[in-house]
Structures are given as structure tokens and as C-alpha cells.
Amino acid sequence: MLVYALQFAFGLFGLSLLMNFIRLIRGPNLPDRILALDTIYINSLALLILLGVWHNTAFYFEAALLIAMLGFIGTVAAAKFLLRGDIIE
């Protein structure tokens, strides 16, 4: 039963990733594109965690933690750039 649930989750997160890539390309303005990029890294994070459950290894969880930290820093830097026009003051 877990195999079917994992396959279903892989399919849904893959579809969500595809829709986010479309929003990233066709986004009407820059904040929408940054939000799509933020959602892409969250979906890829979920896919890595599902892959870790699928293969029963902790390596994917460590990679997901690293992506979460870098994605958060990237989103904050992009938002700061949009608000002020400069990242470093």
C-alpha cells in the first residue's frame, strides 16, 4: 500500500513542479516568478524526502535540509532586492 501512496505522491508533486515551471516562464511580473521559484524548491524538497522514504536512506533527508536552507536564503535575498533594489546595504 505504501508503494501506491508513494507513486501517487510522486505523480502529484511532479505535476505541481511542471505547473510551477510554467508559472516561472509565463509569470506576468517578477514577484510571481519569485514565488514560483520558491514553490519549485519546496516541491523539489518534498520529492527528495519522498525519494528518501522510497530508498530507505538518510542521505536524501540531508540533501533536502541543505536545499531548504539555501532556498530560504535565496528567497529572502530576492525579496530584499525587489523591495530595495540592493541586496547588501
PDB file of N, CA and C in Angstrom:
ATOM      1  N   MET A   1       0.807  -1.194   0.000  1.00  0.00           N
ATOM      2  CA  MET A   1       0.000   0.000   0.000  1.00  0.00           C
ATOM      3  C   MET A   1       0.854   1.264   0.000  1.00  0.00           C
ATOM      4  N   LEU A   2       1.993   1.201   0.707  1.00  0.00           N
ATOM      5  CA  LEU A   2       2.890   2.347   0.757  1.00  0.00           C
ATOM      6  C   LEU A   2       3.471   2.650  -0.616  1.00  0.00           C
ATOM      7  N   VAL A   3       3.685   1.623  -1.413  1.00  0.00           N
ATOM      8  CA  VAL A   3       4.228   1.812  -2.759  1.00  0.00           C
ATOM      9  C   VAL A   3       3.263   2.629  -3.609  1.00  0.00           C
ATOM     10  N   TYR A   4       1.980   2.320  -3.526  1.00  0.00           N
ATOM     11  CA  TYR A   4       0.993   3.067  -4.308  1.00  0.00           C
ATOM     12  C   TYR A   4       0.866   4.517  -3.831  1.00  0.00           C
ATOM     13  N   ALA A   5       0.929   4.720  -2.526  1.00  0.00           N
ATOM     14  CA  ALA A   5       0.854   6.078  -1.984  1.00  0.00           C
ATOM     15  C   ALA A   5       2.068   6.895  -2.413  1.00  0.00           C
ATOM     16  N   LEU A   6       3.257   6.274  -2.410  1.00  0.00           N
ATOM     17  CA  LEU A   6       4.459   6.985  -2.842  1.00  0.00           C
ATOM     18  C   LEU A   6       4.407   7.311  -4.331  1.00  0.00           C
ATOM     19  N   GLN A   7       3.930   6.380  -5.141  1.00  0.00           N
ATOM     20  CA  GLN A   7       3.814   6.652  -6.570  1.00  0.00           C
ATOM     21  C   GLN A   7       2.806   7.761  -6.847  1.00  0.00           C
ATOM     22  N   PHE A   8       1.705   7.768  -6.120  1.00  0.00           N
ATOM     23  CA  PHE A   8       0.704   8.820  -6.268  1.00  0.00           C
ATOM     24  C   PHE A   8       1.284  10.180  -5.867  1.00  0.00           C
ATOM     25  N   ALA A   9       2.031  10.201  -4.766  1.00  0.00           N
ATOM     26  CA  ALA A   9       2.644  11.451  -4.303  1.00  0.00           C
ATOM     27  C   ALA A   9       3.703  11.933  -5.288  1.00  0.00           C
ATOM     28  N   PHE A  10       4.509  11.017  -5.834  1.00  0.00           N
ATOM     29  CA  PHE A  10       5.492  11.392  -6.861  1.00  0.00           C
ATOM     30  C   PHE A  10       4.802  12.032  -8.063  1.00  0.00           C
ATOM     31  N   GLY A  11       3.698  11.440  -8.480  1.00  0.00           N
ATOM     32  CA  GLY A  11       2.967  11.982  -9.623  1.00  0.00           C
ATOM     33  C   GLY A  11       2.406  13.365  -9.354  1.00  0.00           C
ATOM     34  N   LEU A  12       1.829  13.553  -8.174  1.00  0.00           N
ATOM     35  CA  LEU A  12       1.247  14.856  -7.853  1.00  0.00           C
ATOM     36  C   LEU A  12       2.313  15.936  -7.690  1.00  0.00           C
ATOM     37  N   PHE A  13       3.406  15.595  -7.027  1.00  0.00           N
ATOM     38  CA  PHE A  13       4.469  16.589  -6.876  1.00  0.00           C
ATOM     39  C   PHE A  13       5.159  16.872  -8.208  1.00  0.00           C
ATOM     40  N   GLY A  14       5.258  15.878  -9.061  1.00  0.00           N
ATOM     41  CA  GLY A  14       5.806  16.105 -10.395  1.00  0.00           C
ATOM     42  C   GLY A  14       4.913  17.015 -11.227  1.00  0.00           C
ATOM     43  N   LEU A  15       3.612  16.808 -11.142  1.00  0.00           N
ATOM     44  CA  LEU A  15       2.663  17.682 -11.839  1.00  0.00           C
ATOM     45  C   LEU A  15       2.721  19.109 -11.292  1.00  0.00           C
ATOM     46  N   SER A  16       2.835  19.227  -9.987  1.00  0.00           N
ATOM     47  CA  SER A  16       2.956  20.541  -9.370  1.00  0.00           C
ATOM     48  C   SER A  16       4.241  21.235  -9.801  1.00  0.00           C
ATOM     49  N   LEU A  17       5.319  20.480  -9.922  1.00  0.00           N
ATOM     50  CA  LEU A  17       6.587  21.042 -10.388  1.00  0.00           C
ATOM     51  C   LEU A  17       6.471  21.538 -11.817  1.00  0.00           C
ATOM     52  N   LEU A  18       5.779  20.801 -12.645  1.00  0.00           N
ATOM     53  CA  LEU A  18       5.567  21.216 -14.032  1.00  0.00           C
ATOM     54  C   LEU A  18       4.742  22.501 -14.105  1.00  0.00           C
ATOM     55  N   MET A  19       3.689  22.587 -13.308  1.00  0.00           N
ATOM     56  CA  MET A  19       2.872  23.801 -13.307  1.00  0.00           C
ATOM     57  C   MET A  19       3.648  25.007 -12.782  1.00  0.00           C
ATOM     58  N   ASN A  20       4.538  24.776 -11.820  1.00  0.00           N
ATOM     59  CA  ASN A  20       5.353  25.879 -11.315  1.00  0.00           C
ATOM     60  C   ASN A  20       6.367  26.344 -12.351  1.00  0.00           C
ATOM     61  N   PHE A  21       6.910  25.426 -13.136  1.00  0.00           N
ATOM     62  CA  PHE A  21       7.818  25.835 -14.209  1.00  0.00           C
ATOM     63  C   PHE A  21       7.082  26.673 -15.253  1.00  0.00           C
ATOM     64  N   ILE A  22       5.841  26.321 -15.542  1.00  0.00           N
ATOM     65  CA  ILE A  22       5.044  27.122 -16.478  1.00  0.00           C
ATOM     66  C   ILE A  22       4.817  28.515 -15.905  1.00  0.00           C
ATOM     67  N   ARG A  23       4.517  28.616 -14.604  1.00  0.00           N
ATOM     68  CA  ARG A  23       4.323  29.929 -13.977  1.00  0.00           C
ATOM     69  C   ARG A  23       5.635  30.713 -13.964  1.00  0.00           C
ATOM     70  N   LEU A  24       6.745  30.018 -13.804  1.00  0.00           N
ATOM     71  CA  LEU A  24       8.043  30.690 -13.812  1.00  0.00           C
ATOM     72  C   LEU A  24       8.342  31.293 -15.176  1.00  0.00           C
ATOM     73  N   ILE A  25       7.977  30.608 -16.224  1.00  0.00           N
ATOM     74  CA  ILE A  25       8.242  31.096 -17.573  1.00  0.00           C
ATOM     75  C   ILE A  25       7.234  32.166 -17.973  1.00  0.00           C
ATOM     76  N   ARG A  26       5.951  31.956 -17.705  1.00  0.00           N
ATOM     77  CA  ARG A  26       4.893  32.849 -18.183  1.00  0.00           C
ATOM     78  C   ARG A  26       4.431  33.868 -17.155  1.00  0.00           C
ATOM     79  N   GLY A  27       5.106  33.937 -16.012  1.00  0.00           N
ATOM     80  CA  GLY A  27       4.649  34.837 -14.951  1.00  0.00           C
ATOM     81  C   GLY A  27       4.484  36.265 -15.420  1.00  0.00           C
ATOM     82  N   PRO A  28       3.392  36.904 -15.035  1.00  0.00           N
ATOM     83  CA  PRO A  28       3.159  38.257 -15.536  1.00  0.00           C
ATOM     84  C   PRO A  28       4.137  39.288 -14.971  1.00  0.00           C
ATOM     85  N   ASN A  29       4.626  39.091 -13.763  1.00  0.00           N
ATOM     86  CA  ASN A  29       5.583  40.039 -13.208  1.00  0.00           C
ATOM     87  C   ASN A  29       6.614  39.307 -12.351  1.00  0.00           C
ATOM     88  N   LEU A  30       7.590  40.053 -11.871  1.00  0.00           N
ATOM     89  CA  LEU A  30       8.716  39.456 -11.155  1.00  0.00           C
ATOM     90  C   LEU A  30       8.332  38.817  -9.820  1.00  0.00           C
ATOM     91  N   PRO A  31       7.453  39.416  -8.999  1.00  0.00           N
ATOM     92  CA  PRO A  31       7.080  38.728  -7.757  1.00  0.00           C
ATOM     93  C   PRO A  31       6.415  37.367  -7.984  1.00  0.00           C
ATOM     94  N   ASP A  32       5.624  37.241  -9.054  1.00  0.00           N
ATOM     95  CA  ASP A  32       5.024  35.935  -9.362  1.00  0.00           C
ATOM     96  C   ASP A  32       6.094  34.916  -9.720  1.00  0.00           C
ATOM     97  N   ARG A  33       7.108  35.334 -10.435  1.00  0.00           N
ATOM     98  CA  ARG A  33       8.195  34.425 -10.804  1.00  0.00           C
ATOM     99  C   ARG A  33       9.017  34.018  -9.591  1.00  0.00           C
ATOM    100  N   ILE A  34       9.245  34.936  -8.672  1.00  0.00           N
ATOM    101  CA  ILE A  34       9.984  34.592  -7.452  1.00  0.00           C
ATOM    102  C   ILE A  34       9.168  33.629  -6.599  1.00  0.00           C
ATOM    103  N   LEU A  35       7.871  33.838  -6.524  1.00  0.00           N
ATOM    104  CA  LEU A  35       7.002  32.922  -5.784  1.00  0.00           C
ATOM    105  C   LEU A  35       6.990  31.536  -6.428  1.00  0.00           C
ATOM    106  N   ALA A  36       6.991  31.487  -7.767  1.00  0.00           N
ATOM    107  CA  ALA A  36       7.048  30.196  -8.457  1.00  0.00           C
ATOM    108  C   ALA A  36       8.375  29.497  -8.183  1.00  0.00           C
ATOM    109  N   LEU A  37       9.471  30.255  -8.160  1.00  0.00           N
ATOM    110  CA  LEU A  37      10.773  29.663  -7.860  1.00  0.00           C
ATOM    111  C   LEU A  37      10.828  29.136  -6.434  1.00  0.00           C
ATOM    112  N   ASP A  38      10.220  29.856  -5.508  1.00  0.00           N
ATOM    113  CA  ASP A  38      10.157  29.414  -4.121  1.00  0.00           C
ATOM    114  C   ASP A  38       9.340  28.127  -4.008  1.00  0.00           C
ATOM    115  N   THR A  39       8.248  28.053  -4.724  1.00  0.00           N
ATOM    116  CA  THR A  39       7.418  26.848  -4.693  1.00  0.00           C
ATOM    117  C   THR A  39       8.118  25.679  -5.380  1.00  0.00           C
ATOM    118  N   ILE A  40       8.931  25.957  -6.394  1.00  0.00           N
ATOM    119  CA  ILE A  40       9.700  24.896  -7.050  1.00  0.00           C
ATOM    120  C   ILE A  40      10.672  24.260  -6.081  1.00  0.00           C
ATOM    121  N   TYR A  41      11.358  25.085  -5.298  1.00  0.00           N
ATOM    122  CA  TYR A  41      12.304  24.465  -4.377  1.00  0.00           C
ATOM    123  C   TYR A  41      11.582  23.718  -3.257  1.00  0.00           C
ATOM    124  N   ILE A  42      10.402  24.161  -2.855  1.00  0.00           N
ATOM    125  CA  ILE A  42       9.650  23.419  -1.845  1.00  0.00           C
ATOM    126  C   ILE A  42       9.165  22.076  -2.404  1.00  0.00           C
ATOM    127  N   ASN A  43       8.702  22.070  -3.659  1.00  0.00           N
ATOM    128  CA  ASN A  43       8.277  20.811  -4.273  1.00  0.00           C
ATOM    129  C   ASN A  43       9.445  19.862  -4.486  1.00  0.00           C
ATOM    130  N   SER A  44      10.593  20.379  -4.878  1.00  0.00           N
ATOM    131  CA  SER A  44      11.757  19.508  -5.040  1.00  0.00           C
ATOM    132  C   SER A  44      12.226  18.977  -3.689  1.00  0.00           C
ATOM    133  N   LEU A  45      12.029  19.764  -2.654  1.00  0.00           N
ATOM    134  CA  LEU A  45      12.327  19.311  -1.302  1.00  0.00           C
ATOM    135  C   LEU A  45      11.423  18.138  -0.923  1.00  0.00           C
ATOM    136  N   ALA A  46      10.148  18.254  -1.226  1.00  0.00           N
ATOM    137  CA  ALA A  46       9.208  17.166  -0.935  1.00  0.00           C
ATOM    138  C   ALA A  46       9.533  15.923  -1.756  1.00  0.00           C
ATOM    139  N   LEU A  47       9.952  16.118  -3.015  1.00  0.00           N
ATOM    140  CA  LEU A  47      10.339  14.973  -3.838  1.00  0.00           C
ATOM    141  C   LEU A  47      11.572  14.274  -3.282  1.00  0.00           C
ATOM    142  N   LEU A  48      12.524  15.039  -2.772  1.00  0.00           N
ATOM    143  CA  LEU A  48      13.704  14.417  -2.161  1.00  0.00           C
ATOM    144  C   LEU A  48      13.341  13.624  -0.914  1.00  0.00           C
ATOM    145  N   ILE A  49      12.439  14.148  -0.118  1.00  0.00           N
ATOM    146  CA  ILE A  49      12.019  13.419   1.078  1.00  0.00           C
ATOM    147  C   ILE A  49      11.277  12.142   0.688  1.00  0.00           C
ATOM    148  N   LEU A  50      10.426  12.218  -0.338  1.00  0.00           N
ATOM    149  CA  LEU A  50       9.746  11.004  -0.811  1.00  0.00           C
ATOM    150  C   LEU A  50      10.739   9.991  -1.359  1.00  0.00           C
ATOM    151  N   LEU A  51      11.766  10.482  -2.036  1.00  0.00           N
ATOM    152  CA  LEU A  51      12.793   9.581  -2.552  1.00  0.00           C
ATOM    153  C   LEU A  51      13.568   8.923  -1.412  1.00  0.00           C
ATOM    154  N   GLY A  52      13.788   9.665  -0.339  1.00  0.00           N
ATOM    155  CA  GLY A  52      14.434   9.085   0.838  1.00  0.00           C
ATOM    156  C   GLY A  52      13.593   8.001   1.487  1.00  0.00           C
ATOM    157  N   VAL A  53      12.284   8.205   1.518  1.00  0.00           N
ATOM    158  CA  VAL A  53      11.389   7.169   2.058  1.00  0.00           C
ATOM    159  C   VAL A  53      11.377   5.966   1.123  1.00  0.00           C
ATOM    160  N   TRP A  54      11.372   6.223  -0.174  1.00  0.00           N
ATOM    161  CA  TRP A  54      11.333   5.143  -1.167  1.00  0.00           C
ATOM    162  C   TRP A  54      12.579   4.250  -1.069  1.00  0.00           C
ATOM    163  N   HIS A  55      13.760   4.879  -0.963  1.00  0.00           N
ATOM    164  CA  HIS A  55      15.019   4.118  -0.917  1.00  0.00           C
ATOM    165  C   HIS A  55      15.452   3.752   0.499  1.00  0.00           C
ATOM    166  N   ASN A  56      14.732   4.254   1.493  1.00  0.00           N
ATOM    167  CA  ASN A  56      15.014   3.952   2.895  1.00  0.00           C
ATOM    168  C   ASN A  56      16.447   4.318   3.276  1.00  0.00           C
ATOM    169  N   THR A  57      16.834   5.563   2.965  1.00  0.00           N
ATOM    170  CA  THR A  57      18.162   6.055   3.304  1.00  0.00           C
ATOM    171  C   THR A  57      18.059   7.482   3.831  1.00  0.00           C
ATOM    172  N   ALA A  58      19.031   7.879   4.649  1.00  0.00           N
ATOM    173  CA  ALA A  58      19.018   9.214   5.250  1.00  0.00           C
ATOM    174  C   ALA A  58      19.737  10.245   4.393  1.00  0.00           C
ATOM    175  N   PHE A  59      20.410   9.817   3.344  1.00  0.00           N
ATOM    176  CA  PHE A  59      21.170  10.753   2.510  1.00  0.00           C
ATOM    177  C   PHE A  59      20.264  11.802   1.870  1.00  0.00           C
ATOM    178  N   TYR A  60      19.102  11.405   1.425  1.00  0.00           N
ATOM    179  CA  TYR A  60      18.192  12.333   0.768  1.00  0.00           C
ATOM    180  C   TYR A  60      17.629  13.358   1.748  1.00  0.00           C
ATOM    181  N   PHE A  61      17.481  12.983   3.004  1.00  0.00           N
ATOM    182  CA  PHE A  61      16.992  13.920   4.003  1.00  0.00           C
ATOM    183  C   PHE A  61      18.014  15.023   4.267  1.00  0.00           C
ATOM    184  N   GLU A  62      19.303  14.652   4.262  1.00  0.00           N
ATOM    185  CA  GLU A  62      20.354  15.653   4.441  1.00  0.00           C
ATOM    186  C   GLU A  62      20.414  16.596   3.251  1.00  0.00           C
ATOM    187  N   ALA A  63      20.240  16.066   2.049  1.00  0.00           N
ATOM    188  CA  ALA A  63      20.212  16.912   0.857  1.00  0.00           C
ATOM    189  C   ALA A  63      19.002  17.838   0.892  1.00  0.00           C
ATOM    190  N   ALA A  64      17.869  17.353   1.378  1.00  0.00           N
ATOM    191  CA  ALA A  64      16.666  18.182   1.482  1.00  0.00           C
ATOM    192  C   ALA A  64      16.872  19.312   2.492  1.00  0.00           C
ATOM    193  N   LEU A  65      17.567  19.038   3.574  1.00  0.00           N
ATOM    194  CA  LEU A  65      17.850  20.073   4.565  1.00  0.00           C
ATOM    195  C   LEU A  65      18.745  21.152   3.975  1.00  0.00           C
ATOM    196  N   LEU A  66      19.732  20.756   3.200  1.00  0.00           N
ATOM    197  CA  LEU A  66      20.623  21.717   2.558  1.00  0.00           C
ATOM    198  C   LEU A  66      19.868  22.580   1.541  1.00  0.00           C
ATOM    199  N   ILE A  67      19.004  21.971   0.751  1.00  0.00           N
ATOM    200  CA  ILE A  67      18.205  22.719  -0.221  1.00  0.00           C
ATOM    201  C   ILE A  67      17.255  23.676   0.503  1.00  0.00           C
ATOM    202  N   ALA A  68      16.699  23.270   1.638  1.00  0.00           N
ATOM    203  CA  ALA A  68      15.793  24.138   2.391  1.00  0.00           C
ATOM    204  C   ALA A  68      16.518  25.384   2.891  1.00  0.00           C
ATOM    205  N   MET A  69      17.720  25.204   3.398  1.00  0.00           N
ATOM    206  CA  MET A  69      18.472  26.366   3.889  1.00  0.00           C
ATOM    207  C   MET A  69      18.847  27.306   2.754  1.00  0.00           C
ATOM    208  N   LEU A  70      19.340  26.772   1.662  1.00  0.00           N
ATOM    209  CA  LEU A  70      19.742  27.618   0.537  1.00  0.00           C
ATOM    210  C   LEU A  70      18.536  28.268  -0.132  1.00  0.00           C
ATOM    211  N   GLY A  71      17.435  27.563  -0.221  1.00  0.00           N
ATOM    212  CA  GLY A  71      16.231  28.127  -0.815  1.00  0.00           C
ATOM    213  C   GLY A  71      15.669  29.270   0.007  1.00  0.00           C
ATOM    214  N   PHE A  72      15.701  29.147   1.327  1.00  0.00           N
ATOM    215  CA  PHE A  72      15.225  30.223   2.187  1.00  0.00           C
ATOM    216  C   PHE A  72      16.087  31.466   2.021  1.00  0.00           C
ATOM    217  N   ILE A  73      17.389  31.289   1.998  1.00  0.00           N
ATOM    218  CA  ILE A  73      18.297  32.427   1.830  1.00  0.00           C
ATOM    219  C   ILE A  73      18.090  33.081   0.466  1.00  0.00           C
ATOM    220  N   GLY A  74      17.889  32.284  -0.561  1.00  0.00           N
ATOM    221  CA  GLY A  74      17.656  32.824  -1.899  1.00  0.00           C
ATOM    222  C   GLY A  74      16.358  33.606  -1.990  1.00  0.00           C
ATOM    223  N   THR A  75      15.314  33.104  -1.353  1.00  0.00           N
ATOM    224  CA  THR A  75      14.025  33.806  -1.372  1.00  0.00           C
ATOM    225  C   THR A  75      14.108  35.125  -0.617  1.00  0.00           C
ATOM    226  N   VAL A  76      14.779  35.135   0.514  1.00  0.00           N
ATOM    227  CA  VAL A  76      14.931  36.377   1.280  1.00  0.00           C
ATOM    228  C   VAL A  76      15.758  37.382   0.490  1.00  0.00           C
ATOM    229  N   ALA A  77      16.819  36.926  -0.169  1.00  0.00           N
ATOM    230  CA  ALA A  77      17.641  37.837  -0.966  1.00  0.00           C
ATOM    231  C   ALA A  77      16.864  38.405  -2.145  1.00  0.00           C
ATOM    232  N   ALA A  78      16.068  37.598  -2.803  1.00  0.00           N
ATOM    233  CA  ALA A  78      15.271  38.085  -3.934  1.00  0.00           C
ATOM    234  C   ALA A  78      14.204  39.077  -3.479  1.00  0.00           C
ATOM    235  N   ALA A  79      13.568  38.808  -2.340  1.00  0.00           N
ATOM    236  CA  ALA A  79      12.557  39.734  -1.824  1.00  0.00           C
ATOM    237  C   ALA A  79      13.192  41.061  -1.406  1.00  0.00           C
ATOM    238  N   LYS A  80      14.368  40.981  -0.800  1.00  0.00           N
ATOM    239  CA  LYS A  80      15.062  42.208  -0.408  1.00  0.00           C
ATOM    240  C   LYS A  80      15.481  43.009  -1.635  1.00  0.00           C
ATOM    241  N   PHE A  81      15.892  42.319  -2.685  1.00  0.00           N
ATOM    242  CA  PHE A  81      16.262  43.012  -3.916  1.00  0.00           C
ATOM    243  C   PHE A  81      15.050  43.697  -4.548  1.00  0.00           C
ATOM    244  N   LEU A  82      13.904  43.043  -4.507  1.00  0.00           N
ATOM    245  CA  LEU A  82      12.689  43.657  -5.062  1.00  0.00           C
ATOM    246  C   LEU A  82      12.249  44.895  -4.270  1.00  0.00           C
ATOM    247  N   LEU A  83      12.389  44.835  -2.953  1.00  0.00           N
ATOM    248  CA  LEU A  83      11.945  45.953  -2.134  1.00  0.00           C
ATOM    249  C   LEU A  83      12.887  47.142  -2.201  1.00  0.00           C
ATOM    250  N   ARG A  84      14.188  46.874  -2.128  1.00  0.00           N
ATOM    251  CA  ARG A  84      15.150  47.968  -2.004  1.00  0.00           C
ATOM    252  C   ARG A  84      16.008  48.196  -3.233  1.00  0.00           C
ATOM    253  N   GLY A  85      16.103  47.233  -4.116  1.00  0.00           N
ATOM    254  CA  GLY A  85      16.949  47.387  -5.276  1.00  0.00           C
ATOM    255  C   GLY A  85      18.399  47.033  -5.027  1.00  0.00           C
ATOM    256  N   ASP A  86      18.719  46.618  -3.804  1.00  0.00           N
ATOM    257  CA  ASP A  86      20.082  46.258  -3.437  1.00  0.00           C
ATOM    258  C   ASP A  86      20.018  45.161  -2.387  1.00  0.00           C
ATOM    259  N   ILE A  87      20.907  44.200  -2.475  1.00  0.00           N
ATOM    260  CA  ILE A  87      20.898  43.105  -1.514  1.00  0.00           C
ATOM    261  C   ILE A  87      21.728  43.450  -0.291  1.00  0.00           C
ATOM    262  N   ILE A  88      22.922  43.967  -0.514  1.00  0.00           N
ATOM    263  CA  ILE A  88      23.821  44.316   0.574  1.00  0.00           C
ATOM    264  C   ILE A  88      23.778  45.825   0.766  1.00  0.00           C
ATOM    265  N   GLU A  89      23.551  46.241   1.982  1.00  0.00           N
ATOM    266  CA  GLU A  89      23.465  47.684   2.257  1.00  0.00           C
ATOM    267  C   GLU A  89      24.820  48.263   2.566  1.00  0.00           C
TER     268      GLU A  89
END
